[in-house]
């Protein structure tokens, strides 16, 4: 029972960490893509 509760507590902690970290990582990558989009769009216009 002790090992089961330890695994359950670890799963809850990992779930909480993922629910906090994944949106932050997604927002960071979305912000980076938004910053790089004008440069790639400009390069695309020049290549045409």
PDB file of N, CA and C in Angstrom:
ATOM      1  N   UNK A   1       0.832  -1.202   0.000  1.00  0.00           N
ATOM      2  CA  UNK A   1       0.000   0.000   0.000  1.00  0.00           C
ATOM      3  C   UNK A   1       0.868   1.254   0.000  1.00  0.00           C
ATOM      4  N   UNK A   2       2.012   1.178   0.665  1.00  0.00           N
ATOM      5  CA  UNK A   2       2.886   2.339   0.717  1.00  0.00           C
ATOM      6  C   UNK A   2       3.478   2.651  -0.659  1.00  0.00           C
ATOM      7  N   UNK A   3       3.875   1.597  -1.378  1.00  0.00           N
ATOM      8  CA  UNK A   3       4.410   1.813  -2.718  1.00  0.00           C
ATOM      9  C   UNK A   3       3.327   2.349  -3.644  1.00  0.00           C
ATOM     10  N   UNK A   4       2.102   1.866  -3.481  1.00  0.00           N
ATOM     11  CA  UNK A   4       1.002   2.340  -4.314  1.00  0.00           C
ATOM     12  C   UNK A   4       0.748   3.822  -4.076  1.00  0.00           C
ATOM     13  N   UNK A   5       0.741   4.240  -2.820  1.00  0.00           N
ATOM     14  CA  UNK A   5       0.493   5.653  -2.524  1.00  0.00           C
ATOM     15  C   UNK A   5       1.653   6.523  -2.999  1.00  0.00           C
ATOM     16  N   UNK A   6       2.870   5.984  -2.973  1.00  0.00           N
ATOM     17  CA  UNK A   6       4.017   6.734  -3.477  1.00  0.00           C
ATOM     18  C   UNK A   6       3.903   6.938  -4.979  1.00  0.00           C
ATOM     19  N   UNK A   7       3.524   5.888  -5.691  1.00  0.00           N
ATOM     20  CA  UNK A   7       3.354   5.995  -7.142  1.00  0.00           C
ATOM     21  C   UNK A   7       2.214   6.950  -7.469  1.00  0.00           C
ATOM     22  N   UNK A   8       1.139   6.887  -6.698  1.00  0.00           N
ATOM     23  CA  UNK A   8       0.008   7.780  -6.930  1.00  0.00           C
ATOM     24  C   UNK A   8       0.400   9.230  -6.682  1.00  0.00           C
ATOM     25  N   UNK A   9       1.134   9.484  -5.617  1.00  0.00           N
ATOM     26  CA  UNK A   9       1.579  10.850  -5.327  1.00  0.00           C
ATOM     27  C   UNK A   9       2.528  11.355  -6.409  1.00  0.00           C
ATOM     28  N   UNK A  10       3.407  10.494  -6.880  1.00  0.00           N
ATOM     29  CA  UNK A  10       4.331  10.880  -7.942  1.00  0.00           C
ATOM     30  C   UNK A  10       3.578  11.202  -9.227  1.00  0.00           C
ATOM     31  N   UNK A  11       2.555  10.408  -9.542  1.00  0.00           N
ATOM     32  CA  UNK A  11       1.755  10.670 -10.731  1.00  0.00           C
ATOM     33  C   UNK A  11       1.015  12.000 -10.608  1.00  0.00           C
ATOM     34  N   UNK A  12       0.507  12.312  -9.422  1.00  0.00           N
ATOM     35  CA  UNK A  12      -0.183  13.587  -9.229  1.00  0.00           C
ATOM     36  C   UNK A  12       0.779  14.766  -9.373  1.00  0.00           C
ATOM     37  N   UNK A  13       1.988  14.612  -8.847  1.00  0.00           N
ATOM     38  CA  UNK A  13       2.976  15.685  -8.959  1.00  0.00           C
ATOM     39  C   UNK A  13       3.383  15.891 -10.414  1.00  0.00           C
ATOM     40  N   UNK A  14       3.607  14.796 -11.132  1.00  0.00           N
ATOM     41  CA  UNK A  14       3.980  14.915 -12.542  1.00  0.00           C
ATOM     42  C   UNK A  14       2.854  15.520 -13.360  1.00  0.00           C
ATOM     43  N   UNK A  15       1.613  15.148 -13.039  1.00  0.00           N
ATOM     44  CA  UNK A  15       0.471  15.702 -13.746  1.00  0.00           C
ATOM     45  C   UNK A  15       0.371  17.204 -13.506  1.00  0.00           C
ATOM     46  N   UNK A  16       0.575  17.627 -12.266  1.00  0.00           N
ATOM     47  CA  UNK A  16       0.524  19.053 -11.958  1.00  0.00           C
ATOM     48  C   UNK A  16       1.658  19.801 -12.655  1.00  0.00           C
ATOM     49  N   UNK A  17       2.849  19.212 -12.660  1.00  0.00           N
ATOM     50  CA  UNK A  17       3.981  19.862 -13.315  1.00  0.00           C
ATOM     51  C   UNK A  17       3.745  19.976 -14.816  1.00  0.00           C
ATOM     52  N   UNK A  18       3.181  18.946 -15.422  1.00  0.00           N
ATOM     53  CA  UNK A  18       2.911  18.988 -16.856  1.00  0.00           C
ATOM     54  C   UNK A  18       1.844  20.025 -17.173  1.00  0.00           C
ATOM     55  N   UNK A  19       0.821  20.138 -16.325  1.00  0.00           N
ATOM     56  CA  UNK A  19      -0.242  21.101 -16.596  1.00  0.00           C
ATOM     57  C   UNK A  19       0.262  22.530 -16.450  1.00  0.00           C
ATOM     58  N   UNK A  20       1.351  22.722 -15.704  1.00  0.00           N
ATOM     59  CA  UNK A  20       1.927  24.063 -15.577  1.00  0.00           C
ATOM     60  C   UNK A  20       2.956  24.316 -16.671  1.00  0.00           C
ATOM     61  N   UNK A  21       3.825  23.323 -16.930  1.00  0.00           N
ATOM     62  CA  UNK A  21       4.950  23.552 -17.829  1.00  0.00           C
ATOM     63  C   UNK A  21       4.564  23.497 -19.302  1.00  0.00           C
ATOM     64  N   UNK A  22       3.650  22.603 -19.663  1.00  0.00           N
ATOM     65  CA  UNK A  22       3.330  22.465 -21.084  1.00  0.00           C
ATOM     66  C   UNK A  22       2.716  23.730 -21.682  1.00  0.00           C
ATOM     67  N   UNK A  23       1.752  24.394 -21.020  1.00  0.00           N
ATOM     68  CA  UNK A  23       1.272  25.660 -21.595  1.00  0.00           C
ATOM     69  C   UNK A  23       2.363  26.720 -21.680  1.00  0.00           C
ATOM     70  N   UNK A  24       3.282  26.746 -20.717  1.00  0.00           N
ATOM     71  CA  UNK A  24       4.373  27.716 -20.781  1.00  0.00           C
ATOM     72  C   UNK A  24       5.282  27.439 -21.971  1.00  0.00           C
ATOM     73  N   UNK A  25       5.610  26.164 -22.191  1.00  0.00           N
ATOM     74  CA  UNK A  25       6.444  25.809 -23.339  1.00  0.00           C
ATOM     75  C   UNK A  25       5.724  26.099 -24.647  1.00  0.00           C
ATOM     76  N   UNK A  26       4.412  25.830 -24.681  1.00  0.00           N
ATOM     77  CA  UNK A  26       3.642  26.099 -25.891  1.00  0.00           C
ATOM     78  C   UNK A  26       3.592  27.595 -26.175  1.00  0.00           C
ATOM     79  N   UNK A  27       3.397  28.404 -25.119  1.00  0.00           N
ATOM     80  CA  UNK A  27       3.349  29.853 -25.312  1.00  0.00           C
ATOM     81  C   UNK A  27       4.700  30.377 -25.786  1.00  0.00           C
ATOM     82  N   UNK A  28       5.783  29.801 -25.253  1.00  0.00           N
ATOM     83  CA  UNK A  28       7.113  30.249 -25.651  1.00  0.00           C
ATOM     84  C   UNK A  28       7.387  29.906 -27.116  1.00  0.00           C
ATOM     85  N   UNK A  29       6.996  28.709 -27.548  1.00  0.00           N
ATOM     86  CA  UNK A  29       7.227  28.325 -28.937  1.00  0.00           C
ATOM     87  C   UNK A  29       6.311  29.110 -29.870  1.00  0.00           C
ATOM     88  N   UNK A  30       5.088  29.415 -29.420  1.00  0.00           N
ATOM     89  CA  UNK A  30       4.183  30.209 -30.249  1.00  0.00           C
ATOM     90  C   UNK A  30       4.706  31.634 -30.388  1.00  0.00           C
ATOM     91  N   UNK A  31       5.265  32.174 -29.309  1.00  0.00           N
ATOM     92  CA  UNK A  31       5.826  33.523 -29.374  1.00  0.00           C
ATOM     93  C   UNK A  31       7.031  33.551 -30.302  1.00  0.00           C
ATOM     94  N   UNK A  32       7.856  32.506 -30.248  1.00  0.00           N
ATOM     95  CA  UNK A  32       9.026  32.441 -31.121  1.00  0.00           C
ATOM     96  C   UNK A  32       8.594  32.334 -32.583  1.00  0.00           C
ATOM     97  N   UNK A  33       7.552  31.544 -32.836  1.00  0.00           N
ATOM     98  CA  UNK A  33       7.060  31.413 -34.205  1.00  0.00           C
ATOM     99  C   UNK A  33       6.477  32.734 -34.694  1.00  0.00           C
ATOM    100  N   UNK A  34       5.796  33.467 -33.803  1.00  0.00           N
ATOM    101  CA  UNK A  34       5.230  34.757 -34.194  1.00  0.00           C
ATOM    102  C   UNK A  34       6.337  35.767 -34.481  1.00  0.00           C
ATOM    103  N   UNK A  35       7.443  35.667 -33.758  1.00  0.00           N
ATOM    104  CA  UNK A  35       8.554  36.581 -34.010  1.00  0.00           C
ATOM    105  C   UNK A  35       9.271  36.239 -35.312  1.00  0.00           C
ATOM    106  N   UNK A  36       9.338  34.952 -35.638  1.00  0.00           N
ATOM    107  CA  UNK A  36      10.053  34.540 -36.843  1.00  0.00           C
ATOM    108  C   UNK A  36       9.181  34.611 -38.089  1.00  0.00           C
ATOM    109  N   UNK A  37       7.873  34.684 -37.929  1.00  0.00           N
ATOM    110  CA  UNK A  37       6.976  34.669 -39.082  1.00  0.00           C
ATOM    111  C   UNK A  37       7.202  35.855 -40.022  1.00  0.00           C
ATOM    112  N   UNK A  38       7.333  37.095 -39.531  1.00  0.00           N
ATOM    113  CA  UNK A  38       7.556  38.205 -40.476  1.00  0.00           C
ATOM    114  C   UNK A  38       8.836  38.046 -41.281  1.00  0.00           C
ATOM    115  N   UNK A  39       9.899  37.533 -40.660  1.00  0.00           N
ATOM    116  CA  UNK A  39      11.159  37.358 -41.385  1.00  0.00           C
ATOM    117  C   UNK A  39      11.012  36.305 -42.475  1.00  0.00           C
ATOM    118  N   UNK A  40      10.332  35.197 -42.158  1.00  0.00           N
ATOM    119  CA  UNK A  40      10.170  34.157 -43.167  1.00  0.00           C
ATOM    120  C   UNK A  40       9.215  34.617 -44.267  1.00  0.00           C
ATOM    121  N   UNK A  41       8.216  35.421 -43.901  1.00  0.00           N
ATOM    122  CA  UNK A  41       7.296  35.952 -44.912  1.00  0.00           C
ATOM    123  C   UNK A  41       8.030  36.911 -45.840  1.00  0.00           C
ATOM    124  N   UNK A  42       8.916  37.729 -45.285  1.00  0.00           N
ATOM    125  CA  UNK A  42       9.691  38.659 -46.092  1.00  0.00           C
ATOM    126  C   UNK A  42      10.630  37.903 -47.032  1.00  0.00           C
ATOM    127  N   UNK A  43      11.250  36.850 -46.545  1.00  0.00           N
ATOM    128  CA  UNK A  43      12.128  36.049 -47.394  1.00  0.00           C
ATOM    129  C   UNK A  43      11.331  35.368 -48.502  1.00  0.00           C
ATOM    130  N   UNK A  44      10.117  34.952 -48.179  1.00  0.00           N
ATOM    131  CA  UNK A  44       9.275  34.318 -49.184  1.00  0.00           C
ATOM    132  C   UNK A  44       8.884  35.323 -50.265  1.00  0.00           C
ATOM    133  N   UNK A  45       8.584  36.561 -49.869  1.00  0.00           N
ATOM    134  CA  UNK A  45       8.227  37.584 -50.853  1.00  0.00           C
ATOM    135  C   UNK A  45       9.411  37.922 -51.750  1.00  0.00           C
ATOM    136  N   UNK A  46      10.614  37.927 -51.187  1.00  0.00           N
ATOM    137  CA  UNK A  46      11.789  38.233 -51.999  1.00  0.00           C
ATOM    138  C   UNK A  46      12.106  37.123 -52.987  1.00  0.00           C
ATOM    139  N   UNK A  47      11.786  35.888 -52.626  1.00  0.00           N
ATOM    140  CA  UNK A  47      12.128  34.778 -53.504  1.00  0.00           C
ATOM    141  C   UNK A  47      11.176  34.679 -54.690  1.00  0.00           C
ATOM    142  N   UNK A  48      10.021  35.309 -54.596  1.00  0.00           N
ATOM    143  CA  UNK A  48       9.046  35.231 -55.700  1.00  0.00           C
ATOM    144  C   UNK A  48       9.432  36.203 -56.794  1.00  0.00           C
TER     145      UNK A  48
END
